[in-house]
Amino acid sequence: MGRFAHSAWIIPVFAVAVGALAPAHVHAAATAQGVALSATAGCNRGDLDITLTTADAHIDSWLATNLAGATLVQDQAATVALANFSGTWSPYLIGRTGFLIGQLPGTLVGSYASVGETPPDASNTAEFFVFYNCSTRQVLYSCYGAYGSCPQTAQAAAALVAPPGVPALDRSALLLTVLVLAAAGGLALRHRSL
């Protein structure tokens, strides 16, 4: 046997030692456990109260949109406070200083947030969403879960809550419909009494 046959055992031992001493790459984990519209939310802010557990999360992102499709605020940042966290974060600020442009009373707003990794996926990122009327603060739809579970825009949420096949009428169209029906009823009663 040669000189190399007696020392062949050293390669596997060296590989095990290097593997044991090398830092292991820890994958971020974020689990969503609840969401609510924050007391600070309204027509100028879309803040949420988010309940989650994270381990080594790196990024949080936020987005607010209105039903017309306008982006009210959108960004992401390296997370510090939520990197290793368990509990309710209140308020989670959607757009650290609020919306770029305040919304008119009655505007329907979708507020979205995610905490976890980039690129996000269901195994490493939690997401939160609330669709609400900005002046009455009525919540029309809310969602939380693993990334990919929730809509991210007001338009996507509106499509989920709209009853299928029933057209929505604005106030003037509804008033016109009532007047036409009343007139038709009045004509029917008049012809019946003749």
N, C-alpha and C. Protein backbone atom coordinates (compact mmCIF):
# COMPACT_ATOMS: atom_id res chain seq x y z
N MET A 1 0.85 -1.16 0.00
CA MET A 1 0.00 0.00 0.00
C MET A 1 0.89 1.22 0.00
N GLY A 2 0.49 2.20 -0.58
CA GLY A 2 1.32 3.37 -0.70
C GLY A 2 1.08 4.36 0.42
N ARG A 3 1.79 5.41 0.33
CA ARG A 3 1.70 6.47 1.31
C ARG A 3 0.29 7.08 1.34
N PHE A 4 -0.41 7.13 0.20
CA PHE A 4 -1.74 7.76 0.12
C PHE A 4 -2.83 6.87 0.70
N ALA A 5 -2.68 5.57 0.65
CA ALA A 5 -3.71 4.67 1.16
C ALA A 5 -3.82 4.79 2.67
N HIS A 6 -2.71 5.00 3.36
CA HIS A 6 -2.76 5.11 4.82
C HIS A 6 -3.35 6.42 5.29
N SER A 7 -3.34 7.46 4.47
CA SER A 7 -3.85 8.76 4.89
C SER A 7 -5.19 9.10 4.25
N ALA A 8 -5.85 8.19 3.61
CA ALA A 8 -7.14 8.45 2.96
C ALA A 8 -8.23 8.78 3.96
N TRP A 9 -8.09 8.34 5.14
CA TRP A 9 -9.10 8.62 6.18
C TRP A 9 -9.15 10.10 6.55
N ILE A 10 -8.12 10.83 6.29
CA ILE A 10 -8.05 12.22 6.71
C ILE A 10 -9.03 13.12 5.94
N ILE A 11 -9.33 12.79 4.71
CA ILE A 11 -10.24 13.62 3.90
C ILE A 11 -11.65 13.63 4.49
N PRO A 12 -12.26 12.47 4.81
CA PRO A 12 -13.59 12.52 5.42
C PRO A 12 -13.58 13.20 6.79
N VAL A 13 -12.54 13.00 7.58
CA VAL A 13 -12.47 13.64 8.89
C VAL A 13 -12.38 15.16 8.71
N PHE A 14 -11.57 15.61 7.76
CA PHE A 14 -11.44 17.04 7.49
C PHE A 14 -12.78 17.63 7.03
N ALA A 15 -13.51 16.93 6.18
CA ALA A 15 -14.81 17.40 5.68
C ALA A 15 -15.82 17.53 6.82
N VAL A 16 -15.85 16.58 7.74
CA VAL A 16 -16.77 16.63 8.89
C VAL A 16 -16.40 17.80 9.79
N ALA A 17 -15.11 18.01 10.03
CA ALA A 17 -14.67 19.10 10.90
C ALA A 17 -15.04 20.45 10.31
N VAL A 18 -14.83 20.63 9.01
CA VAL A 18 -15.18 21.89 8.36
C VAL A 18 -16.69 22.12 8.45
N GLY A 19 -17.46 21.08 8.21
CA GLY A 19 -18.92 21.21 8.27
C GLY A 19 -19.40 21.57 9.67
N ALA A 20 -18.78 21.03 10.69
CA ALA A 20 -19.18 21.30 12.06
C ALA A 20 -18.80 22.72 12.49
N LEU A 21 -17.69 23.23 11.99
CA LEU A 21 -17.22 24.54 12.39
C LEU A 21 -17.83 25.68 11.57
N ALA A 22 -18.32 25.38 10.37
CA ALA A 22 -18.90 26.42 9.51
C ALA A 22 -20.25 26.84 10.08
N PRO A 23 -20.53 28.13 10.05
CA PRO A 23 -21.84 28.58 10.55
C PRO A 23 -22.95 28.07 9.64
N ALA A 24 -23.99 27.58 10.25
CA ALA A 24 -25.13 27.07 9.48
C ALA A 24 -25.99 28.25 9.04
N HIS A 25 -26.49 28.19 7.84
CA HIS A 25 -27.38 29.23 7.34
C HIS A 25 -28.76 29.01 7.94
N VAL A 26 -29.23 29.97 8.68
CA VAL A 26 -30.54 29.87 9.31
C VAL A 26 -31.57 30.50 8.39
N HIS A 27 -32.62 29.78 8.12
CA HIS A 27 -33.69 30.31 7.28
C HIS A 27 -34.66 31.09 8.14
N ALA A 28 -35.07 32.23 7.65
CA ALA A 28 -36.03 33.04 8.37
C ALA A 28 -37.38 32.34 8.39
N ALA A 29 -38.09 32.57 9.45
CA ALA A 29 -39.44 32.04 9.57
C ALA A 29 -40.33 33.15 10.14
N ALA A 30 -41.50 33.28 9.60
CA ALA A 30 -42.47 34.25 10.10
C ALA A 30 -43.85 33.62 9.98
N THR A 31 -44.57 33.62 11.07
CA THR A 31 -45.90 33.02 11.11
C THR A 31 -46.92 34.07 11.52
N ALA A 32 -47.89 34.32 10.66
CA ALA A 32 -48.96 35.28 10.95
C ALA A 32 -49.99 34.62 11.85
N GLN A 33 -50.46 35.39 12.85
CA GLN A 33 -51.44 34.85 13.79
C GLN A 33 -52.68 35.72 13.94
N GLY A 34 -52.66 36.92 13.35
CA GLY A 34 -53.85 37.76 13.43
C GLY A 34 -53.59 39.14 12.86
N VAL A 35 -54.67 39.84 12.51
CA VAL A 35 -54.57 41.20 12.00
C VAL A 35 -55.84 41.96 12.36
N ALA A 36 -55.68 43.26 12.62
CA ALA A 36 -56.82 44.14 12.87
C ALA A 36 -56.46 45.53 12.37
N LEU A 37 -57.46 46.32 12.09
CA LEU A 37 -57.25 47.71 11.71
C LEU A 37 -56.81 48.45 12.96
N SER A 38 -55.73 49.18 12.88
CA SER A 38 -55.21 49.90 14.04
C SER A 38 -56.07 51.11 14.36
N ALA A 39 -56.02 51.55 15.59
CA ALA A 39 -56.76 52.75 16.01
C ALA A 39 -56.26 53.99 15.28
N THR A 40 -55.03 53.96 14.76
CA THR A 40 -54.47 55.11 14.06
C THR A 40 -54.86 55.15 12.58
N ALA A 41 -55.51 54.13 12.07
CA ALA A 41 -55.88 54.06 10.65
C ALA A 41 -57.05 54.98 10.34
N GLY A 42 -57.07 55.47 9.12
CA GLY A 42 -58.15 56.34 8.67
C GLY A 42 -57.94 56.69 7.21
N CYS A 43 -58.23 57.93 6.85
CA CYS A 43 -58.09 58.38 5.46
C CYS A 43 -56.70 58.93 5.15
N ASN A 44 -55.85 59.04 6.16
CA ASN A 44 -54.47 59.50 5.97
C ASN A 44 -53.44 58.43 6.31
N ARG A 45 -53.86 57.37 6.95
CA ARG A 45 -52.96 56.29 7.37
C ARG A 45 -53.71 54.96 7.22
N GLY A 46 -52.96 53.90 6.94
CA GLY A 46 -53.56 52.57 6.81
C GLY A 46 -52.97 51.59 7.80
N ASP A 47 -52.64 52.04 9.00
CA ASP A 47 -51.92 51.23 9.97
C ASP A 47 -52.71 50.00 10.42
N LEU A 48 -51.96 48.95 10.72
CA LEU A 48 -52.54 47.67 11.15
C LEU A 48 -51.99 47.28 12.52
N ASP A 49 -52.70 46.42 13.20
CA ASP A 49 -52.18 45.72 14.38
C ASP A 49 -51.95 44.29 13.91
N ILE A 50 -50.69 43.85 13.92
CA ILE A 50 -50.37 42.51 13.41
C ILE A 50 -49.86 41.63 14.54
N THR A 51 -50.32 40.40 14.54
CA THR A 51 -49.88 39.42 15.53
C THR A 51 -49.10 38.35 14.79
N LEU A 52 -47.86 38.10 15.24
CA LEU A 52 -46.99 37.18 14.52
C LEU A 52 -45.88 36.67 15.42
N THR A 53 -45.21 35.65 14.92
CA THR A 53 -43.99 35.12 15.53
C THR A 53 -42.95 35.05 14.42
N THR A 54 -41.75 35.59 14.69
CA THR A 54 -40.69 35.57 13.70
C THR A 54 -39.41 35.02 14.31
N ALA A 55 -38.57 34.49 13.45
CA ALA A 55 -37.23 34.04 13.81
C ALA A 55 -36.30 34.40 12.67
N ASP A 56 -35.41 35.34 12.92
CA ASP A 56 -34.42 35.77 11.94
C ASP A 56 -35.06 36.37 10.68
N ALA A 57 -36.15 37.12 10.85
CA ALA A 57 -36.76 37.82 9.71
C ALA A 57 -35.86 38.99 9.31
N HIS A 58 -35.81 39.29 8.03
CA HIS A 58 -34.91 40.33 7.55
C HIS A 58 -35.61 41.54 6.93
N ILE A 59 -36.78 41.36 6.35
CA ILE A 59 -37.44 42.43 5.59
C ILE A 59 -38.89 42.56 6.03
N ASP A 60 -39.37 43.80 6.13
CA ASP A 60 -40.81 43.99 6.18
C ASP A 60 -41.18 44.99 5.10
N SER A 61 -42.37 44.80 4.53
CA SER A 61 -42.81 45.66 3.43
C SER A 61 -44.26 46.05 3.66
N TRP A 62 -44.65 47.14 3.01
CA TRP A 62 -46.01 47.63 3.17
C TRP A 62 -46.50 48.25 1.88
N LEU A 63 -47.82 48.22 1.73
CA LEU A 63 -48.48 48.75 0.54
C LEU A 63 -49.89 49.17 0.93
N ALA A 64 -50.31 50.33 0.48
CA ALA A 64 -51.69 50.77 0.64
C ALA A 64 -52.19 51.23 -0.72
N THR A 65 -53.38 50.78 -1.09
CA THR A 65 -53.99 51.15 -2.36
C THR A 65 -55.45 51.53 -2.13
N ASN A 66 -56.03 52.24 -3.09
CA ASN A 66 -57.46 52.51 -3.01
C ASN A 66 -58.18 51.74 -4.12
N LEU A 67 -59.49 51.80 -4.10
CA LEU A 67 -60.30 51.02 -5.04
C LEU A 67 -60.08 51.47 -6.49
N ALA A 68 -59.67 52.71 -6.69
CA ALA A 68 -59.40 53.21 -8.04
C ALA A 68 -58.09 52.65 -8.60
N GLY A 69 -57.31 51.98 -7.76
CA GLY A 69 -56.06 51.38 -8.20
C GLY A 69 -54.83 52.22 -7.91
N ALA A 70 -55.01 53.36 -7.25
CA ALA A 70 -53.86 54.21 -6.93
C ALA A 70 -53.06 53.62 -5.77
N THR A 71 -51.75 53.71 -5.87
CA THR A 71 -50.87 53.31 -4.77
C THR A 71 -50.72 54.52 -3.86
N LEU A 72 -51.14 54.36 -2.60
CA LEU A 72 -51.11 55.45 -1.64
C LEU A 72 -49.75 55.54 -0.95
N VAL A 73 -49.11 54.40 -0.76
CA VAL A 73 -47.76 54.32 -0.21
C VAL A 73 -47.26 52.89 -0.41
N GLN A 74 -45.95 52.76 -0.65
CA GLN A 74 -45.37 51.43 -0.84
C GLN A 74 -43.87 51.51 -0.56
N ASP A 75 -43.35 50.54 0.19
CA ASP A 75 -41.91 50.49 0.44
C ASP A 75 -41.58 49.21 1.19
N GLN A 76 -40.29 49.01 1.44
CA GLN A 76 -39.83 47.91 2.27
C GLN A 76 -38.57 48.38 2.98
N ALA A 77 -38.24 47.72 4.07
CA ALA A 77 -37.05 48.09 4.84
C ALA A 77 -36.52 46.87 5.56
N ALA A 78 -35.26 46.94 5.91
CA ALA A 78 -34.69 45.89 6.76
C ALA A 78 -35.37 45.98 8.11
N THR A 79 -35.84 44.85 8.59
CA THR A 79 -36.55 44.87 9.87
C THR A 79 -35.56 44.67 11.01
N VAL A 80 -35.74 45.41 12.06
CA VAL A 80 -34.91 45.26 13.25
C VAL A 80 -35.80 44.78 14.39
N ALA A 81 -36.83 45.55 14.69
CA ALA A 81 -37.70 45.23 15.82
C ALA A 81 -38.47 43.93 15.62
N LEU A 82 -38.80 43.60 14.37
CA LEU A 82 -39.59 42.39 14.11
C LEU A 82 -38.73 41.19 13.70
N ALA A 83 -37.41 41.31 13.78
CA ALA A 83 -36.53 40.22 13.35
C ALA A 83 -36.76 38.95 14.17
N ASN A 84 -36.87 39.07 15.46
CA ASN A 84 -37.15 37.96 16.37
C ASN A 84 -38.20 38.46 17.34
N PHE A 85 -39.45 38.18 17.04
CA PHE A 85 -40.56 38.79 17.76
C PHE A 85 -41.70 37.80 17.90
N SER A 86 -42.43 37.90 18.99
CA SER A 86 -43.64 37.11 19.18
C SER A 86 -44.64 37.96 19.94
N GLY A 87 -45.80 38.19 19.33
CA GLY A 87 -46.83 38.99 19.97
C GLY A 87 -47.56 39.85 18.97
N THR A 88 -48.18 40.93 19.47
CA THR A 88 -48.91 41.87 18.62
C THR A 88 -48.13 43.17 18.52
N TRP A 89 -47.84 43.59 17.29
CA TRP A 89 -47.16 44.86 17.03
C TRP A 89 -48.23 45.87 16.68
N SER A 90 -48.37 46.90 17.54
CA SER A 90 -49.46 47.85 17.37
C SER A 90 -48.96 49.27 17.63
N PRO A 91 -49.11 50.17 16.71
CA PRO A 91 -49.53 49.93 15.34
C PRO A 91 -48.34 49.60 14.44
N TYR A 92 -48.60 48.77 13.45
CA TYR A 92 -47.62 48.55 12.38
C TYR A 92 -47.91 49.65 11.38
N LEU A 93 -46.96 50.55 11.20
CA LEU A 93 -47.16 51.74 10.36
C LEU A 93 -47.06 51.40 8.89
N ILE A 94 -48.13 51.64 8.17
CA ILE A 94 -48.14 51.47 6.72
C ILE A 94 -47.70 52.81 6.14
N GLY A 95 -46.48 52.87 5.66
CA GLY A 95 -45.93 54.13 5.19
C GLY A 95 -45.58 54.99 6.38
N ARG A 96 -44.45 54.81 6.90
CA ARG A 96 -44.02 55.39 8.18
C ARG A 96 -44.61 56.77 8.48
N THR A 97 -44.90 57.58 7.46
CA THR A 97 -45.49 58.90 7.70
C THR A 97 -46.91 58.99 7.16
N GLY A 98 -47.50 57.88 6.81
CA GLY A 98 -48.87 57.88 6.30
C GLY A 98 -48.93 57.89 4.79
N PHE A 99 -50.12 58.11 4.26
CA PHE A 99 -50.33 58.10 2.82
C PHE A 99 -49.67 59.33 2.18
N LEU A 100 -49.24 59.17 0.94
CA LEU A 100 -48.66 60.28 0.21
C LEU A 100 -49.70 61.37 -0.01
N ILE A 101 -50.95 60.96 -0.26
CA ILE A 101 -52.07 61.89 -0.44
C ILE A 101 -53.23 61.37 0.40
N GLY A 102 -53.79 62.23 1.27
CA GLY A 102 -54.95 61.85 2.06
C GLY A 102 -56.11 61.49 1.15
N GLN A 103 -56.95 60.57 1.61
CA GLN A 103 -58.07 60.09 0.81
C GLN A 103 -59.38 60.77 1.22
N LEU A 104 -60.29 60.90 0.28
CA LEU A 104 -61.60 61.50 0.55
C LEU A 104 -62.40 60.59 1.48
N PRO A 105 -63.29 61.17 2.29
CA PRO A 105 -64.13 60.33 3.15
C PRO A 105 -64.89 59.29 2.33
N GLY A 106 -64.97 58.09 2.84
CA GLY A 106 -65.68 57.01 2.17
C GLY A 106 -64.81 56.20 1.22
N THR A 107 -63.56 56.60 1.02
CA THR A 107 -62.67 55.86 0.12
C THR A 107 -62.39 54.48 0.70
N LEU A 108 -62.44 53.46 -0.16
CA LEU A 108 -62.13 52.10 0.26
C LEU A 108 -60.63 51.88 0.07
N VAL A 109 -59.96 51.47 1.14
CA VAL A 109 -58.51 51.33 1.16
C VAL A 109 -58.13 49.90 1.49
N GLY A 110 -57.09 49.41 0.84
CA GLY A 110 -56.51 48.12 1.17
C GLY A 110 -55.12 48.34 1.75
N SER A 111 -54.89 47.88 2.98
CA SER A 111 -53.58 47.98 3.63
C SER A 111 -52.96 46.60 3.71
N TYR A 112 -51.73 46.48 3.22
CA TYR A 112 -51.03 45.20 3.14
C TYR A 112 -49.66 45.31 3.81
N ALA A 113 -49.27 44.27 4.52
CA ALA A 113 -47.93 44.22 5.11
C ALA A 113 -47.41 42.79 5.04
N SER A 114 -46.09 42.66 4.91
CA SER A 114 -45.46 41.34 4.99
C SER A 114 -44.17 41.46 5.79
N VAL A 115 -43.83 40.37 6.49
CA VAL A 115 -42.62 40.31 7.31
C VAL A 115 -41.96 38.97 7.04
N GLY A 116 -40.67 39.00 6.71
CA GLY A 116 -39.96 37.74 6.47
C GLY A 116 -38.70 37.92 5.67
N GLU A 117 -38.70 37.39 4.45
CA GLU A 117 -37.50 37.32 3.62
C GLU A 117 -37.73 37.92 2.24
N THR A 118 -36.63 38.13 1.53
CA THR A 118 -36.66 38.51 0.13
C THR A 118 -35.82 37.49 -0.63
N PRO A 119 -36.35 36.83 -1.62
CA PRO A 119 -37.73 36.91 -2.07
C PRO A 119 -38.66 36.18 -1.10
N PRO A 120 -39.87 36.70 -0.95
CA PRO A 120 -40.81 36.07 -0.02
C PRO A 120 -41.38 34.79 -0.61
N ASP A 121 -41.67 33.85 0.26
CA ASP A 121 -42.45 32.67 -0.12
C ASP A 121 -43.20 32.19 1.11
N ALA A 122 -44.05 31.22 0.94
CA ALA A 122 -44.93 30.76 2.02
C ALA A 122 -44.16 30.19 3.21
N SER A 123 -42.94 29.71 2.99
CA SER A 123 -42.18 29.11 4.09
C SER A 123 -41.45 30.14 4.94
N ASN A 124 -41.29 31.38 4.47
CA ASN A 124 -40.47 32.31 5.23
C ASN A 124 -41.08 33.69 5.46
N THR A 125 -42.29 33.93 4.99
CA THR A 125 -42.87 35.27 5.08
C THR A 125 -44.34 35.20 5.49
N ALA A 126 -44.70 36.07 6.43
CA ALA A 126 -46.09 36.21 6.88
C ALA A 126 -46.67 37.46 6.23
N GLU A 127 -47.96 37.42 5.92
CA GLU A 127 -48.60 38.60 5.34
C GLU A 127 -49.91 38.91 6.04
N PHE A 128 -50.31 40.19 5.90
CA PHE A 128 -51.47 40.73 6.60
C PHE A 128 -52.17 41.71 5.67
N PHE A 129 -53.51 41.71 5.68
CA PHE A 129 -54.26 42.60 4.79
C PHE A 129 -55.58 42.99 5.43
N VAL A 130 -55.95 44.27 5.31
CA VAL A 130 -57.27 44.75 5.74
C VAL A 130 -57.80 45.69 4.66
N PHE A 131 -59.06 45.47 4.26
CA PHE A 131 -59.78 46.29 3.28
C PHE A 131 -60.87 47.02 4.07
N TYR A 132 -60.85 48.36 4.04
CA TYR A 132 -61.75 49.10 4.92
C TYR A 132 -62.20 50.43 4.31
N ASN A 133 -63.29 50.96 4.85
CA ASN A 133 -63.78 52.29 4.51
C ASN A 133 -63.01 53.27 5.38
N CYS A 134 -62.31 54.22 4.76
CA CYS A 134 -61.38 55.05 5.53
C CYS A 134 -62.05 56.03 6.49
N SER A 135 -63.29 56.42 6.26
CA SER A 135 -63.93 57.36 7.19
C SER A 135 -64.76 56.65 8.26
N THR A 136 -65.47 55.59 7.90
CA THR A 136 -66.26 54.86 8.91
C THR A 136 -65.43 53.81 9.64
N ARG A 137 -64.26 53.44 9.05
CA ARG A 137 -63.37 52.41 9.58
C ARG A 137 -64.02 51.02 9.59
N GLN A 138 -65.09 50.86 8.79
CA GLN A 138 -65.73 49.56 8.67
C GLN A 138 -64.79 48.63 7.89
N VAL A 139 -64.48 47.48 8.48
CA VAL A 139 -63.63 46.49 7.83
C VAL A 139 -64.52 45.64 6.93
N LEU A 140 -64.20 45.62 5.63
CA LEU A 140 -64.97 44.86 4.66
C LEU A 140 -64.36 43.48 4.43
N TYR A 141 -63.05 43.35 4.65
CA TYR A 141 -62.36 42.08 4.44
C TYR A 141 -61.02 42.15 5.17
N SER A 142 -60.63 41.06 5.81
CA SER A 142 -59.30 40.99 6.40
C SER A 142 -58.74 39.60 6.20
N CYS A 143 -57.42 39.52 6.19
CA CYS A 143 -56.74 38.26 5.90
C CYS A 143 -55.35 38.27 6.52
N TYR A 144 -54.90 37.12 6.98
CA TYR A 144 -53.52 36.94 7.41
C TYR A 144 -53.13 35.49 7.17
N GLY A 145 -51.84 35.26 6.97
CA GLY A 145 -51.38 33.89 6.74
C GLY A 145 -50.00 33.88 6.12
N ALA A 146 -49.64 32.73 5.57
CA ALA A 146 -48.37 32.58 4.88
C ALA A 146 -48.42 33.38 3.58
N TYR A 147 -47.27 33.83 3.11
CA TYR A 147 -47.20 34.62 1.88
C TYR A 147 -47.95 33.91 0.75
N GLY A 148 -48.78 34.67 0.04
CA GLY A 148 -49.59 34.13 -1.04
C GLY A 148 -51.01 33.82 -0.62
N SER A 149 -51.34 34.00 0.65
CA SER A 149 -52.69 33.70 1.16
C SER A 149 -53.67 34.85 0.96
N CYS A 150 -53.18 36.07 0.91
CA CYS A 150 -54.04 37.25 0.96
C CYS A 150 -53.93 38.10 -0.30
N PRO A 151 -54.98 38.87 -0.59
CA PRO A 151 -54.85 39.87 -1.65
C PRO A 151 -53.88 40.95 -1.19
N GLN A 152 -53.32 41.68 -2.12
CA GLN A 152 -52.38 42.75 -1.76
C GLN A 152 -52.91 44.13 -2.10
N THR A 153 -54.04 44.22 -2.83
CA THR A 153 -54.57 45.52 -3.24
C THR A 153 -56.06 45.62 -2.92
N ALA A 154 -56.54 46.86 -2.87
CA ALA A 154 -57.97 47.10 -2.65
C ALA A 154 -58.80 46.49 -3.77
N GLN A 155 -58.32 46.60 -5.01
CA GLN A 155 -59.07 46.05 -6.14
C GLN A 155 -59.20 44.53 -6.03
N ALA A 156 -58.14 43.84 -5.64
CA ALA A 156 -58.19 42.38 -5.49
C ALA A 156 -59.14 41.99 -4.38
N ALA A 157 -59.17 42.75 -3.29
CA ALA A 157 -60.08 42.46 -2.18
C ALA A 157 -61.52 42.71 -2.58
N ALA A 158 -61.77 43.79 -3.33
CA ALA A 158 -63.13 44.10 -3.77
C ALA A 158 -63.68 42.98 -4.64
N ALA A 159 -62.84 42.39 -5.46
CA ALA A 159 -63.28 41.27 -6.30
C ALA A 159 -63.66 40.07 -5.44
N LEU A 160 -63.03 39.91 -4.29
CA LEU A 160 -63.35 38.78 -3.40
C LEU A 160 -64.66 38.99 -2.65
N VAL A 161 -64.97 40.24 -2.30
CA VAL A 161 -66.16 40.49 -1.48
C VAL A 161 -67.41 40.82 -2.30
N ALA A 162 -67.26 41.11 -3.58
CA ALA A 162 -68.41 41.44 -4.43
C ALA A 162 -69.24 40.19 -4.68
N PRO A 163 -70.55 40.27 -4.48
CA PRO A 163 -71.38 39.11 -4.80
C PRO A 163 -71.35 38.84 -6.30
N PRO A 164 -71.21 37.60 -6.70
CA PRO A 164 -71.13 37.30 -8.13
C PRO A 164 -72.43 37.59 -8.86
N GLY A 165 -72.31 38.24 -10.02
CA GLY A 165 -73.46 38.45 -10.88
C GLY A 165 -74.41 39.54 -10.45
N VAL A 166 -74.13 40.27 -9.37
CA VAL A 166 -75.01 41.34 -8.93
C VAL A 166 -74.31 42.66 -9.19
N PRO A 167 -74.81 43.44 -10.14
CA PRO A 167 -74.15 44.72 -10.42
C PRO A 167 -74.39 45.70 -9.27
N ALA A 168 -73.39 46.48 -8.95
CA ALA A 168 -73.52 47.49 -7.91
C ALA A 168 -73.99 48.78 -8.55
N LEU A 169 -74.97 49.43 -7.92
CA LEU A 169 -75.49 50.70 -8.42
C LEU A 169 -74.99 51.82 -7.53
N ASP A 170 -74.63 52.94 -8.15
CA ASP A 170 -74.31 54.10 -7.32
C ASP A 170 -75.63 54.74 -6.89
N ARG A 171 -75.57 55.77 -6.07
CA ARG A 171 -76.79 56.37 -5.50
C ARG A 171 -77.73 56.94 -6.55
N SER A 172 -77.17 57.59 -7.55
CA SER A 172 -78.05 58.20 -8.56
C SER A 172 -78.73 57.12 -9.40
N ALA A 173 -78.02 56.05 -9.74
CA ALA A 173 -78.64 54.96 -10.50
C ALA A 173 -79.71 54.26 -9.67
N LEU A 174 -79.47 54.11 -8.38
CA LEU A 174 -80.45 53.49 -7.49
C LEU A 174 -81.70 54.36 -7.39
N LEU A 175 -81.52 55.66 -7.25
CA LEU A 175 -82.66 56.58 -7.18
C LEU A 175 -83.47 56.53 -8.47
N LEU A 176 -82.79 56.54 -9.62
CA LEU A 176 -83.47 56.46 -10.91
C LEU A 176 -84.25 55.15 -11.04
N THR A 177 -83.68 54.06 -10.59
CA THR A 177 -84.35 52.76 -10.65
C THR A 177 -85.62 52.77 -9.79
N VAL A 178 -85.54 53.35 -8.59
CA VAL A 178 -86.70 53.44 -7.70
C VAL A 178 -87.79 54.30 -8.35
N LEU A 179 -87.41 55.41 -8.96
CA LEU A 179 -88.40 56.28 -9.61
C LEU A 179 -89.09 55.58 -10.79
N VAL A 180 -88.32 54.85 -11.59
CA VAL A 180 -88.90 54.13 -12.73
C VAL A 180 -89.87 53.06 -12.23
N LEU A 181 -89.48 52.33 -11.20
CA LEU A 181 -90.38 51.31 -10.64
C LEU A 181 -91.65 51.93 -10.05
N ALA A 182 -91.50 53.07 -9.36
CA ALA A 182 -92.67 53.75 -8.80
C ALA A 182 -93.61 54.24 -9.91
N ALA A 183 -93.03 54.79 -10.97
CA ALA A 183 -93.85 55.26 -12.09
C ALA A 183 -94.57 54.09 -12.76
N ALA A 184 -93.85 52.98 -12.95
CA ALA A 184 -94.49 51.81 -13.57
C ALA A 184 -95.60 51.27 -12.69
N GLY A 185 -95.38 51.26 -11.37
CA GLY A 185 -96.42 50.82 -10.44
C GLY A 185 -97.62 51.73 -10.46
N GLY A 186 -97.39 53.05 -10.53
CA GLY A 186 -98.47 54.02 -10.59
C GLY A 186 -99.28 53.87 -11.86
N LEU A 187 -98.64 53.64 -12.99
CA LEU A 187 -99.36 53.42 -14.26
C LEU A 187 -100.17 52.14 -14.20
N ALA A 188 -99.62 51.11 -13.61
CA ALA A 188 -100.34 49.84 -13.51
C ALA A 188 -101.60 50.00 -12.65
N LEU A 189 -101.49 50.71 -11.55
CA LEU A 189 -102.65 50.95 -10.69
C LEU A 189 -103.69 51.83 -11.38
N ARG A 190 -103.27 52.80 -12.15
CA ARG A 190 -104.19 53.69 -12.85
C ARG A 190 -104.97 52.92 -13.91
N HIS A 191 -104.28 52.04 -14.67
CA HIS A 191 -104.98 51.26 -15.69
C HIS A 191 -105.90 50.23 -15.06
N ARG A 192 -105.59 49.76 -13.90
CA ARG A 192 -106.43 48.78 -13.23
C ARG A 192 -107.72 49.42 -12.73
N SER A 193 -107.65 50.68 -12.25
CA SER A 193 -108.84 51.34 -11.72
C SER A 193 -109.75 51.84 -12.82
N LEU A 194 -109.31 51.92 -14.04
CA LEU A 194 -110.14 52.39 -15.15
C LEU A 194 -111.04 51.33 -15.59
